[in-house]
């Protein structure tokens, strides 16, 4: 399950508020916020996809294991 649902909800909320706003400055700020939330969600989705692919090929992006000498 993706962790991005909340970010997508915030983006949708900003879009609704921008649509309802009569003030052009506030509308522009809300649209910038929407873009930010979508960028954050996209970054998380990319990270999740990379982690999933790493696990599927048997490697992880964690620290290297230390073996006793």
C-alpha atoms as a PDB file:
ATOM      1  CA  UNK A   1       0.000   0.000   0.000  1.00  0.00           C
ATOM      2  CA  UNK A   2       1.296   3.417  -0.907  1.00  0.00           C
ATOM      3  CA  UNK A   3       2.009   6.014   1.742  1.00  0.00           C
ATOM      4  CA  UNK A   4       1.098   8.848  -0.616  1.00  0.00           C
ATOM      5  CA  UNK A   5      -2.663   8.905  -0.103  1.00  0.00           C
ATOM      6  CA  UNK A   6      -2.500  11.695   2.472  1.00  0.00           C
ATOM      7  CA  UNK A   7      -0.382  13.873   0.174  1.00  0.00           C
ATOM      8  CA  UNK A   8      -2.810  13.348  -2.692  1.00  0.00           C
ATOM      9  CA  UNK A   9      -5.704  14.309  -0.399  1.00  0.00           C
ATOM     10  CA  UNK A  10      -3.905  17.520   0.602  1.00  0.00           C
ATOM     11  CA  UNK A  11      -3.294  18.334  -3.082  1.00  0.00           C
ATOM     12  CA  UNK A  12      -6.970  17.786  -3.873  1.00  0.00           C
ATOM     13  CA  UNK A  13      -7.970  19.947  -0.910  1.00  0.00           C
ATOM     14  CA  UNK A  14      -5.727  22.782  -2.134  1.00  0.00           C
ATOM     15  CA  UNK A  15      -7.216  22.485  -5.629  1.00  0.00           C
ATOM     16  CA  UNK A  16     -10.768  22.711  -4.247  1.00  0.00           C
ATOM     17  CA  UNK A  17      -9.883  25.696  -2.074  1.00  0.00           C
ATOM     18  CA  UNK A  18      -8.178  27.431  -5.013  1.00  0.00           C
ATOM     19  CA  UNK A  19     -11.231  26.871  -7.182  1.00  0.00           C
ATOM     20  CA  UNK A  20     -13.483  28.409  -4.502  1.00  0.00           C
ATOM     21  CA  UNK A  21     -11.180  31.349  -3.758  1.00  0.00           C
ATOM     22  CA  UNK A  22     -12.065  34.764  -5.137  1.00  0.00           C
ATOM     23  CA  UNK A  23      -8.659  36.244  -4.240  1.00  0.00           C
ATOM     24  CA  UNK A  24      -6.162  35.681  -7.097  1.00  0.00           C
ATOM     25  CA  UNK A  25      -3.139  35.839  -4.777  1.00  0.00           C
ATOM     26  CA  UNK A  26      -4.589  33.228  -2.419  1.00  0.00           C
ATOM     27  CA  UNK A  27      -5.575  31.104  -5.422  1.00  0.00           C
ATOM     28  CA  UNK A  28      -2.007  31.211  -6.756  1.00  0.00           C
ATOM     29  CA  UNK A  29      -0.609  30.274  -3.334  1.00  0.00           C
ATOM     30  CA  UNK A  30      -2.997  27.331  -3.058  1.00  0.00           C
ATOM     31  CA  UNK A  31      -2.046  26.109  -6.523  1.00  0.00           C
ATOM     32  CA  UNK A  32       1.643  26.309  -5.548  1.00  0.00           C
ATOM     33  CA  UNK A  33       0.859  24.304  -2.415  1.00  0.00           C
ATOM     34  CA  UNK A  34      -0.994  21.734  -4.537  1.00  0.00           C
ATOM     35  CA  UNK A  35       2.039  21.378  -6.779  1.00  0.00           C
ATOM     36  CA  UNK A  36       4.282  20.894  -3.728  1.00  0.00           C
ATOM     37  CA  UNK A  37       2.049  18.159  -2.278  1.00  0.00           C
ATOM     38  CA  UNK A  38       2.033  16.356  -5.627  1.00  0.00           C
ATOM     39  CA  UNK A  39       5.830  16.606  -5.895  1.00  0.00           C
ATOM     40  CA  UNK A  40       6.201  15.152  -2.400  1.00  0.00           C
ATOM     41  CA  UNK A  41       3.847  12.306  -3.286  1.00  0.00           C
ATOM     42  CA  UNK A  42       5.793  11.654  -6.479  1.00  0.00           C
ATOM     43  CA  UNK A  43       9.072  11.496  -4.574  1.00  0.00           C
ATOM     44  CA  UNK A  44       7.643   9.012  -2.094  1.00  0.00           C
ATOM     45  CA  UNK A  45       6.200   6.881  -4.897  1.00  0.00           C
ATOM     46  CA  UNK A  46       9.594   6.843  -6.626  1.00  0.00           C
ATOM     47  CA  UNK A  47      11.300   5.806  -3.386  1.00  0.00           C
ATOM     48  CA  UNK A  48       8.735   3.056  -2.779  1.00  0.00           C
ATOM     49  CA  UNK A  49       9.157   1.774  -6.340  1.00  0.00           C
ATOM     50  CA  UNK A  50      12.960   1.708  -5.988  1.00  0.00           C
ATOM     51  CA  UNK A  51      12.733  -0.152  -2.674  1.00  0.00           C
ATOM     52  CA  UNK A  52      10.283  -2.659  -4.155  1.00  0.00           C
ATOM     53  CA  UNK A  53      12.573  -3.299  -7.117  1.00  0.00           C
ATOM     54  CA  UNK A  54      15.601  -3.664  -4.845  1.00  0.00           C
ATOM     55  CA  UNK A  55      13.820  -6.243  -2.701  1.00  0.00           C
ATOM     56  CA  UNK A  56      12.659  -8.172  -5.763  1.00  0.00           C
ATOM     57  CA  UNK A  57      16.205  -8.603  -7.044  1.00  0.00           C
ATOM     58  CA  UNK A  58      17.484  -9.622  -3.606  1.00  0.00           C
ATOM     59  CA  UNK A  59      19.277  -6.480  -2.584  1.00  0.00           C
ATOM     60  CA  UNK A  60      18.356  -3.631  -0.298  1.00  0.00           C
ATOM     61  CA  UNK A  61      19.637  -0.092  -0.031  1.00  0.00           C
ATOM     62  CA  UNK A  62      20.458  -0.401   3.650  1.00  0.00           C
ATOM     63  CA  UNK A  63      23.904  -0.451   5.248  1.00  0.00           C
ATOM     64  CA  UNK A  64      26.295  -3.210   4.321  1.00  0.00           C
ATOM     65  CA  UNK A  65      26.338  -6.222   6.606  1.00  0.00           C
ATOM     66  CA  UNK A  66      29.418  -6.627   8.737  1.00  0.00           C
ATOM     67  CA  UNK A  67      30.794 -10.111   8.945  1.00  0.00           C
ATOM     68  CA  UNK A  68      33.118 -11.235  11.734  1.00  0.00           C
ATOM     69  CA  UNK A  69      36.750 -11.733  10.704  1.00  0.00           C
END
